[in-house]
PDB file of N, CA and C in Angstrom:
ATOM      1  N   MET A   1       0.921  -1.234  -0.050  1.00  0.00           N
ATOM      2  CA  MET A   1      -0.061  -0.147   0.053  1.00  0.00           C
ATOM      3  C   MET A   1       0.816   1.342   0.001  1.00  0.00           C
ATOM      4  N   ASP A   2       0.570   2.275  -0.784  1.00  0.00           N
ATOM      5  CA  ASP A   2       1.217   3.466  -0.877  1.00  0.00           C
ATOM      6  C   ASP A   2       0.648   4.526   0.051  1.00  0.00           C
ATOM      7  N   PRO A   3       1.744   4.982   0.796  1.00  0.00           N
ATOM      8  CA  PRO A   3       1.043   6.303   1.811  1.00  0.00           C
ATOM      9  C   PRO A   3       0.598   7.481   0.970  1.00  0.00           C
ATOM     10  N   ILE A   4      -0.423   8.015   1.440  1.00  0.00           N
ATOM     11  CA  ILE A   4      -1.109   9.234   0.797  1.00  0.00           C
ATOM     12  C   ILE A   4      -0.246  10.350   1.307  1.00  0.00           C
ATOM     13  N   VAL A   5       0.145  11.308   0.521  1.00  0.00           N
ATOM     14  CA  VAL A   5       0.956  12.490   0.843  1.00  0.00           C
ATOM     15  C   VAL A   5      -0.090  13.637   0.380  1.00  0.00           C
ATOM     16  N   THR A   6      -0.229  14.617   1.366  1.00  0.00           N
ATOM     17  CA  THR A   6      -1.172  15.678   1.096  1.00  0.00           C
ATOM     18  C   THR A   6      -0.187  16.691   0.336  1.00  0.00           C
ATOM     19  N   VAL A   7      -1.064  17.579  -0.458  1.00  0.00           N
ATOM     20  CA  VAL A   7      -0.469  18.648  -1.343  1.00  0.00           C
ATOM     21  C   VAL A   7       0.328  19.702  -0.355  1.00  0.00           C
ATOM     22  N   GLN A   8      -0.124  19.900   0.697  1.00  0.00           N
ATOM     23  CA  GLN A   8       0.538  20.769   1.764  1.00  0.00           C
ATOM     24  C   GLN A   8       1.701  20.170   2.167  1.00  0.00           C
ATOM     25  N   ASP A   9       2.011  18.928   2.479  1.00  0.00           N
ATOM     26  CA  ASP A   9       3.318  18.423   2.789  1.00  0.00           C
ATOM     27  C   ASP A   9       4.257  18.486   1.568  1.00  0.00           C
ATOM     28  N   ALA A  10       3.802  18.318   0.475  1.00  0.00           N
ATOM     29  CA  ALA A  10       4.645  18.472  -0.812  1.00  0.00           C
ATOM     30  C   ALA A  10       5.191  19.734  -0.887  1.00  0.00           C
ATOM     31  N   VAL A  11       4.138  21.160  -0.635  1.00  0.00           N
ATOM     32  CA  VAL A  11       4.461  22.274  -1.008  1.00  0.00           C
ATOM     33  C   VAL A  11       5.379  22.866   0.203  1.00  0.00           C
ATOM     34  N   THR A  12       5.264  22.631   1.278  1.00  0.00           N
ATOM     35  CA  THR A  12       5.963  23.135   2.459  1.00  0.00           C
ATOM     36  C   THR A  12       7.191  22.311   2.775  1.00  0.00           C
ATOM     37  N   ALA A  13       7.481  21.087   1.905  1.00  0.00           N
ATOM     38  CA  ALA A  13       8.712  20.461   2.201  1.00  0.00           C
ATOM     39  C   ALA A  13       9.922  21.191   1.762  1.00  0.00           C
ATOM     40  N   PHE A  14       9.705  22.143   0.674  1.00  0.00           N
ATOM     41  CA  PHE A  14      10.769  22.867   0.024  1.00  0.00           C
ATOM     42  C   PHE A  14      10.546  24.369   0.503  1.00  0.00           C
ATOM     43  N   ALA A  15      10.024  24.657   1.408  1.00  0.00           N
ATOM     44  CA  ALA A  15       9.713  25.976   1.846  1.00  0.00           C
ATOM     45  C   ALA A  15      11.222  26.953   2.051  1.00  0.00           C
ATOM     46  N   ASP A  16      12.246  26.113   2.508  1.00  0.00           N
ATOM     47  CA  ASP A  16      13.361  26.642   2.809  1.00  0.00           C
ATOM     48  C   ASP A  16      14.296  27.198   1.407  1.00  0.00           C
ATOM     49  N   TRP A  17      13.808  26.410   0.605  1.00  0.00           N
ATOM     50  CA  TRP A  17      14.562  26.579  -0.722  1.00  0.00           C
ATOM     51  C   TRP A  17      13.872  27.683  -1.576  1.00  0.00           C
ATOM     52  N   ILE A  18      12.835  27.944  -1.367  1.00  0.00           N
ATOM     53  CA  ILE A  18      11.973  29.108  -2.106  1.00  0.00           C
ATOM     54  C   ILE A  18      12.312  30.449  -1.813  1.00  0.00           C
ATOM     55  N   GLU A  19      12.826  30.777  -0.668  1.00  0.00           N
ATOM     56  CA  GLU A  19      13.175  32.215  -0.349  1.00  0.00           C
ATOM     57  C   GLU A  19      14.296  32.587  -1.280  1.00  0.00           C
ATOM     58  N   PRO A  20      14.227  33.976  -1.481  1.00  0.00           N
ATOM     59  CA  PRO A  20      15.398  34.658  -2.391  1.00  0.00           C
ATOM     60  C   PRO A  20      16.474  34.710  -1.599  1.00  0.00           C
ATOM     61  N   THR A  21      17.590  34.508  -2.593  1.00  0.00           N
ATOM     62  CA  THR A  21      18.748  34.773  -1.801  1.00  0.00           C
ATOM     63  C   THR A  21      19.233  36.161  -1.682  1.00  0.00           C
ATOM     64  N   ASN A  22      20.297  36.543  -0.969  1.00  0.00           N
ATOM     65  CA  ASN A  22      20.665  37.971  -0.618  1.00  0.00           C
ATOM     66  C   ASN A  22      20.928  38.749  -1.927  1.00  0.00           C
ATOM     67  N   ALA A  23      21.655  37.954  -2.976  1.00  0.00           N
ATOM     68  CA  ALA A  23      22.143  38.436  -4.192  1.00  0.00           C
ATOM     69  C   ALA A  23      20.840  38.793  -4.921  1.00  0.00           C
ATOM     70  N   GLU A  24      19.668  37.885  -4.978  1.00  0.00           N
ATOM     71  CA  GLU A  24      18.586  38.171  -5.695  1.00  0.00           C
ATOM     72  C   GLU A  24      17.768  39.373  -5.027  1.00  0.00           C
ATOM     73  N   LEU A  25      17.846  39.510  -3.856  1.00  0.00           N
ATOM     74  CA  LEU A  25      16.999  40.853  -3.069  1.00  0.00           C
ATOM     75  C   LEU A  25      18.011  41.935  -3.531  1.00  0.00           C
ATOM     76  N   ASP A  26      19.205  41.991  -3.607  1.00  0.00           N
ATOM     77  CA  ASP A  26      20.041  43.063  -3.856  1.00  0.00           C
ATOM     78  C   ASP A  26      19.616  43.343  -5.412  1.00  0.00           C
ATOM     79  N   ALA A  27      19.722  42.388  -6.239  1.00  0.00           N
ATOM     80  CA  ALA A  27      19.250  42.900  -7.654  1.00  0.00           C
ATOM     81  C   ALA A  27      17.865  43.438  -7.784  1.00  0.00           C
ATOM     82  N   ILE A  28      16.926  42.978  -6.971  1.00  0.00           N
ATOM     83  CA  ILE A  28      15.614  43.640  -6.978  1.00  0.00           C
ATOM     84  C   ILE A  28      15.816  45.016  -6.599  1.00  0.00           C
ATOM     85  N   GLU A  29      16.594  45.270  -5.566  1.00  0.00           N
ATOM     86  CA  GLU A  29      16.569  46.496  -4.925  1.00  0.00           C
ATOM     87  C   GLU A  29      17.327  47.576  -5.828  1.00  0.00           C
ATOM     88  N   GLN A  30      18.103  46.923  -6.659  1.00  0.00           N
ATOM     89  CA  GLN A  30      18.786  47.941  -7.688  1.00  0.00           C
ATOM     90  C   GLN A  30      18.048  48.172  -8.783  1.00  0.00           C
ATOM     91  N   GLU A  31      17.147  47.248  -9.064  1.00  0.00           N
ATOM     92  CA  GLU A  31      16.066  47.634 -10.268  1.00  0.00           C
ATOM     93  C   GLU A  31      14.841  48.158  -9.851  1.00  0.00           C
ATOM     94  N   LEU A  32      14.552  48.469  -8.432  1.00  0.00           N
ATOM     95  CA  LEU A  32      13.357  48.943  -8.086  1.00  0.00           C
ATOM     96  C   LEU A  32      12.980  50.383  -8.781  1.00  0.00           C
ATOM     97  N   PRO A  33      13.973  51.280  -8.907  1.00  0.00           N
ATOM     98  CA  PRO A  33      13.512  52.522  -9.445  1.00  0.00           C
ATOM     99  C   PRO A  33      12.833  52.247 -11.078  1.00  0.00           C
ATOM    100  N   LEU A  34      13.472  51.400 -11.828  1.00  0.00           N
ATOM    101  CA  LEU A  34      12.903  50.949 -12.901  1.00  0.00           C
ATOM    102  C   LEU A  34      11.487  50.332 -12.732  1.00  0.00           C
ATOM    103  N   ILE A  35      11.520  49.518 -11.875  1.00  0.00           N
ATOM    104  CA  ILE A  35      10.202  48.855 -11.579  1.00  0.00           C
ATOM    105  C   ILE A  35       9.161  49.946 -11.347  1.00  0.00           C
ATOM    106  N   LEU A  36       9.455  50.835 -10.642  1.00  0.00           N
ATOM    107  CA  LEU A  36       8.410  51.824  -9.945  1.00  0.00           C
ATOM    108  C   LEU A  36       8.084  52.826 -11.158  1.00  0.00           C
ATOM    109  N   ALA A  37       9.137  53.135 -12.055  1.00  0.00           N
ATOM    110  CA  ALA A  37       8.937  53.892 -13.166  1.00  0.00           C
ATOM    111  C   ALA A  37       7.819  53.214 -13.981  1.00  0.00           C
ATOM    112  N   ASP A  38       8.143  51.830 -14.294  1.00  0.00           N
ATOM    113  CA  ASP A  38       7.196  50.969 -15.203  1.00  0.00           C
ATOM    114  C   ASP A  38       5.819  51.005 -14.590  1.00  0.00           C
ATOM    115  N   VAL A  39       5.740  50.954 -13.569  1.00  0.00           N
ATOM    116  CA  VAL A  39       4.351  50.848 -12.785  1.00  0.00           C
ATOM    117  C   VAL A  39       3.567  52.187 -12.951  1.00  0.00           C
ATOM    118  N   ASP A  40       4.478  53.242 -12.974  1.00  0.00           N
ATOM    119  CA  ASP A  40       3.758  54.493 -13.087  1.00  0.00           C
ATOM    120  C   ASP A  40       3.401  54.737 -14.480  1.00  0.00           C
ATOM    121  N   LEU A  41       4.125  54.129 -15.487  1.00  0.00           N
ATOM    122  CA  LEU A  41       3.845  54.233 -17.029  1.00  0.00           C
ATOM    123  C   LEU A  41       2.496  53.340 -17.052  1.00  0.00           C
ATOM    124  N   LEU A  42       2.390  52.241 -16.534  1.00  0.00           N
ATOM    125  CA  LEU A  42       1.234  51.475 -16.612  1.00  0.00           C
ATOM    126  C   LEU A  42       0.096  51.873 -15.934  1.00  0.00           C
ATOM    127  N   ASP A  43       0.226  52.593 -14.951  1.00  0.00           N
ATOM    128  CA  ASP A  43      -0.867  53.277 -14.367  1.00  0.00           C
ATOM    129  C   ASP A  43      -1.337  54.553 -15.110  1.00  0.00           C
ATOM    130  N   ALA A  44      -0.449  55.202 -15.798  1.00  0.00           N
ATOM    131  CA  ALA A  44      -0.944  56.316 -16.796  1.00  0.00           C
ATOM    132  C   ALA A  44      -1.778  55.789 -18.006  1.00  0.00           C
ATOM    133  N   GLN A  45      -1.229  54.662 -18.515  1.00  0.00           N
ATOM    134  CA  GLN A  45      -1.955  53.978 -19.721  1.00  0.00           C
ATOM    135  C   GLN A  45      -3.260  53.403 -19.284  1.00  0.00           C
ATOM    136  N   ILE A  46      -3.457  52.822 -18.002  1.00  0.00           N
ATOM    137  CA  ILE A  46      -4.529  52.220 -17.598  1.00  0.00           C
ATOM    138  C   ILE A  46      -5.627  53.271 -17.516  1.00  0.00           C
ATOM    139  N   ILE A  47      -5.360  54.530 -16.926  1.00  0.00           N
ATOM    140  CA  ILE A  47      -6.331  55.525 -16.799  1.00  0.00           C
ATOM    141  C   ILE A  47      -7.071  55.730 -18.041  1.00  0.00           C
ATOM    142  N   THR A  48      -6.336  55.795 -19.179  1.00  0.00           N
ATOM    143  CA  THR A  48      -6.980  56.182 -20.471  1.00  0.00           C
ATOM    144  C   THR A  48      -7.811  55.013 -21.181  1.00  0.00           C
ATOM    145  N   LEU A  49      -7.781  53.755 -20.598  1.00  0.00           N
ATOM    146  CA  LEU A  49      -8.372  52.597 -21.239  1.00  0.00           C
ATOM    147  C   LEU A  49      -9.838  52.827 -21.479  1.00  0.00           C
ATOM    148  N   ASP A  50     -10.601  53.418 -20.634  1.00  0.00           N
ATOM    149  CA  ASP A  50     -12.064  53.354 -20.674  1.00  0.00           C
ATOM    150  C   ASP A  50     -12.434  54.698 -21.188  1.00  0.00           C
ATOM    151  N   ARG A  51     -11.513  55.759 -21.709  1.00  0.00           N
ATOM    152  CA  ARG A  51     -12.121  56.870 -22.107  1.00  0.00           C
ATOM    153  C   ARG A  51     -11.274  57.568 -23.178  1.00  0.00           C
ATOM    154  N   THR A  52     -11.622  58.455 -23.916  1.00  0.00           N
ATOM    155  CA  THR A  52     -10.588  59.116 -24.901  1.00  0.00           C
ATOM    156  C   THR A  52      -9.503  60.043 -24.202  1.00  0.00           C
ATOM    157  N   PRO A  53      -8.491  59.824 -24.542  1.00  0.00           N
ATOM    158  CA  PRO A  53      -7.295  60.504 -23.674  1.00  0.00           C
ATOM    159  C   PRO A  53      -7.361  61.956 -24.033  1.00  0.00           C
ATOM    160  N   THR A  54      -7.289  62.676 -22.943  1.00  0.00           N
ATOM    161  CA  THR A  54      -7.076  64.035 -23.047  1.00  0.00           C
ATOM    162  C   THR A  54      -5.684  64.434 -23.234  1.00  0.00           C
ATOM    163  N   GLU A  55      -5.785  65.904 -23.569  1.00  0.00           N
ATOM    164  CA  GLU A  55      -4.043  66.389 -23.659  1.00  0.00           C
ATOM    165  C   GLU A  55      -3.492  66.146 -22.493  1.00  0.00           C
ATOM    166  N   LEU A  56      -4.087  66.187 -21.201  1.00  0.00           N
ATOM    167  CA  LEU A  56      -3.378  65.862 -19.926  1.00  0.00           C
ATOM    168  C   LEU A  56      -2.886  64.528 -19.911  1.00  0.00           C
ATOM    169  N   ASP A  57      -3.873  63.714 -20.222  1.00  0.00           N
ATOM    170  CA  ASP A  57      -3.541  62.214 -20.249  1.00  0.00           C
ATOM    171  C   ASP A  57      -2.428  61.896 -21.071  1.00  0.00           C
ATOM    172  N   GLY A  58      -2.329  62.572 -22.242  1.00  0.00           N
ATOM    173  CA  GLY A  58      -1.047  62.355 -23.226  1.00  0.00           C
ATOM    174  C   GLY A  58       0.297  62.877 -22.550  1.00  0.00           C
ATOM    175  N   ARG A  59       0.232  64.046 -21.909  1.00  0.00           N
ATOM    176  CA  ARG A  59       1.365  64.603 -21.199  1.00  0.00           C
ATOM    177  C   ARG A  59       1.704  63.620 -19.998  1.00  0.00           C
ATOM    178  N   ARG A  60       0.779  63.144 -19.281  1.00  0.00           N
ATOM    179  CA  ARG A  60       1.146  61.955 -18.131  1.00  0.00           C
ATOM    180  C   ARG A  60       1.676  60.861 -18.695  1.00  0.00           C
ATOM    181  N   ILE A  61       1.202  60.431 -19.893  1.00  0.00           N
ATOM    182  CA  ILE A  61       1.932  59.118 -20.540  1.00  0.00           C
ATOM    183  C   ILE A  61       3.318  59.557 -20.999  1.00  0.00           C
ATOM    184  N   ARG A  62       3.438  60.685 -21.734  1.00  0.00           N
ATOM    185  CA  ARG A  62       4.909  61.039 -22.166  1.00  0.00           C
ATOM    186  C   ARG A  62       5.834  61.082 -20.980  1.00  0.00           C
ATOM    187  N   ARG A  63       5.343  61.873 -19.896  1.00  0.00           N
ATOM    188  CA  ARG A  63       6.425  61.992 -18.794  1.00  0.00           C
ATOM    189  C   ARG A  63       6.635  60.788 -18.113  1.00  0.00           C
ATOM    190  N   ALA A  64       5.697  59.819 -18.102  1.00  0.00           N
ATOM    191  CA  ALA A  64       5.907  58.437 -17.497  1.00  0.00           C
ATOM    192  C   ALA A  64       6.802  57.631 -18.473  1.00  0.00           C
ATOM    193  N   ARG A  65       6.623  57.768 -19.595  1.00  0.00           N
ATOM    194  CA  ARG A  65       7.596  57.098 -20.623  1.00  0.00           C
ATOM    195  C   ARG A  65       8.907  57.535 -20.448  1.00  0.00           C
ATOM    196  N   ARG A  66       9.040  59.009 -20.533  1.00  0.00           N
ATOM    197  CA  ARG A  66      10.553  59.455 -20.262  1.00  0.00           C
ATOM    198  C   ARG A  66      11.156  59.069 -18.869  1.00  0.00           C
ATOM    199  N   ARG A  67      10.456  58.824 -17.811  1.00  0.00           N
ATOM    200  CA  ARG A  67      10.945  58.556 -16.503  1.00  0.00           C
ATOM    201  C   ARG A  67      11.406  57.055 -16.643  1.00  0.00           C
ATOM    202  N   ALA A  68      10.555  56.310 -17.285  1.00  0.00           N
ATOM    203  CA  ALA A  68      10.777  54.824 -17.382  1.00  0.00           C
ATOM    204  C   ALA A  68      12.042  54.809 -18.238  1.00  0.00           C
ATOM    205  N   LEU A  69      12.292  55.568 -19.364  1.00  0.00           N
ATOM    206  CA  LEU A  69      13.313  55.437 -20.234  1.00  0.00           C
ATOM    207  C   LEU A  69      14.625  55.770 -19.466  1.00  0.00           C
ATOM    208  N   ALA A  70      14.700  56.986 -18.628  1.00  0.00           N
ATOM    209  CA  ALA A  70      15.641  57.382 -18.043  1.00  0.00           C
ATOM    210  C   ALA A  70      16.100  56.366 -16.931  1.00  0.00           C
ATOM    211  N   ALA A  71      15.076  55.870 -16.292  1.00  0.00           N
ATOM    212  CA  ALA A  71      15.348  54.750 -15.160  1.00  0.00           C
ATOM    213  C   ALA A  71      16.183  53.710 -15.770  1.00  0.00           C
ATOM    214  N   ARG A  72      15.729  53.120 -16.948  1.00  0.00           N
ATOM    215  CA  ARG A  72      16.374  52.083 -17.825  1.00  0.00           C
ATOM    216  C   ARG A  72      17.725  52.513 -18.084  1.00  0.00           C
ATOM    217  N   VAL A  73      18.147  53.682 -18.614  1.00  0.00           N
ATOM    218  CA  VAL A  73      19.490  54.097 -18.915  1.00  0.00           C
ATOM    219  C   VAL A  73      20.190  54.228 -17.802  1.00  0.00           C
ATOM    220  N   ALA A  74      19.757  54.821 -16.565  1.00  0.00           N
ATOM    221  CA  ALA A  74      20.562  54.675 -15.210  1.00  0.00           C
ATOM    222  C   ALA A  74      20.720  53.365 -14.789  1.00  0.00           C
ATOM    223  N   LEU A  75      19.866  52.485 -14.942  1.00  0.00           N
ATOM    224  CA  LEU A  75      20.113  51.035 -14.565  1.00  0.00           C
ATOM    225  C   LEU A  75      21.331  50.602 -15.592  1.00  0.00           C
ATOM    226  N   LEU A  76      21.209  50.569 -16.742  1.00  0.00           N
ATOM    227  CA  LEU A  76      22.110  50.187 -17.874  1.00  0.00           C
ATOM    228  C   LEU A  76      23.592  50.822 -17.319  1.00  0.00           C
ATOM    229  N   ASN A  77      23.604  52.251 -17.110  1.00  0.00           N
ATOM    230  CA  ASN A  77      24.788  52.773 -16.825  1.00  0.00           C
ATOM    231  C   ASN A  77      25.423  52.221 -15.423  1.00  0.00           C
ATOM    232  N   ARG A  78      24.779  51.665 -14.501  1.00  0.00           N
ATOM    233  CA  ARG A  78      25.157  51.420 -13.339  1.00  0.00           C
ATOM    234  C   ARG A  78      25.846  49.997 -13.493  1.00  0.00           C
ATOM    235  N   THR A  79      24.981  49.203 -14.182  1.00  0.00           N
ATOM    236  CA  THR A  79      25.439  47.732 -14.335  1.00  0.00           C
ATOM    237  C   THR A  79      26.537  47.703 -15.558  1.00  0.00           C
ATOM    238  N   ALA A  80      26.776  48.677 -16.336  1.00  0.00           N
ATOM    239  CA  ALA A  80      27.620  48.621 -17.472  1.00  0.00           C
ATOM    240  C   ALA A  80      29.253  48.535 -16.725  1.00  0.00           C
ATOM    241  N   GLY A  81      29.371  49.278 -15.553  1.00  0.00           N
ATOM    242  CA  GLY A  81      30.568  49.257 -14.948  1.00  0.00           C
ATOM    243  C   GLY A  81      30.994  47.905 -14.286  1.00  0.00           C
ATOM    244  N   THR A  82      29.973  46.990 -13.992  1.00  0.00           N
ATOM    245  CA  THR A  82      30.428  45.857 -13.411  1.00  0.00           C
ATOM    246  C   THR A  82      31.039  44.915 -14.351  1.00  0.00           C
ATOM    247  N   SER A  83      31.788  43.803 -14.004  1.00  0.00           N
ATOM    248  CA  SER A  83      32.406  42.995 -15.058  1.00  0.00           C
ATOM    249  C   SER A  83      31.359  41.726 -14.907  1.00  0.00           C
ATOM    250  N   LEU A  84      31.700  40.931 -16.136  1.00  0.00           N
ATOM    251  CA  LEU A  84      30.863  39.535 -15.876  1.00  0.00           C
ATOM    252  C   LEU A  84      31.722  38.847 -15.141  1.00  0.00           C
ATOM    253  N   PRO A  85      31.189  37.546 -14.797  1.00  0.00           N
ATOM    254  CA  PRO A  85      31.576  36.549 -14.200  1.00  0.00           C
ATOM    255  C   PRO A  85      32.775  35.882 -15.017  1.00  0.00           C
ATOM    256  N   GLY A  86      33.959  35.423 -14.603  1.00  0.00           N
ATOM    257  CA  GLY A  86      34.754  34.687 -15.525  1.00  0.00           C
ATOM    258  C   GLY A  86      35.684  35.571 -16.204  1.00  0.00           C
ATOM    259  N   GLY A  87      35.570  37.006 -15.928  1.00  0.00           N
ATOM    260  CA  GLY A  87      36.387  37.876 -16.701  1.00  0.00           C
ATOM    261  C   GLY A  87      36.111  38.172 -18.090  1.00  0.00           C
ATOM    262  N   ALA A  88      34.925  37.541 -18.547  1.00  0.00           N
ATOM    263  CA  ALA A  88      34.571  37.849 -19.984  1.00  0.00           C
ATOM    264  C   ALA A  88      34.091  39.334 -20.044  1.00  0.00           C
ATOM    265  N   ALA A  89      34.262  39.988 -21.075  1.00  0.00           N
ATOM    266  CA  ALA A  89      33.955  41.292 -21.429  1.00  0.00           C
ATOM    267  C   ALA A  89      32.865  41.514 -22.386  1.00  0.00           C
TER     268      ALA A  89
END
């Protein structure tokens, strides 16, 4: 006879392995300005989904796009100075 294992046992058996590592948390923290800028852009776009965009909506979307692009460039400039593992360039 085979023992019956509940789904809860199978899920919680690996709970210690699911937690993000410190390196992953640092990477998320480094990308946080870009994530927040992308969320602002999505918010500006979502506002205009159910109505005709006004001039103010257009400006809000353009500003949010510029902020997201600037955050992307800043992140790329920060990470461009770091070297790749193994000494590859």
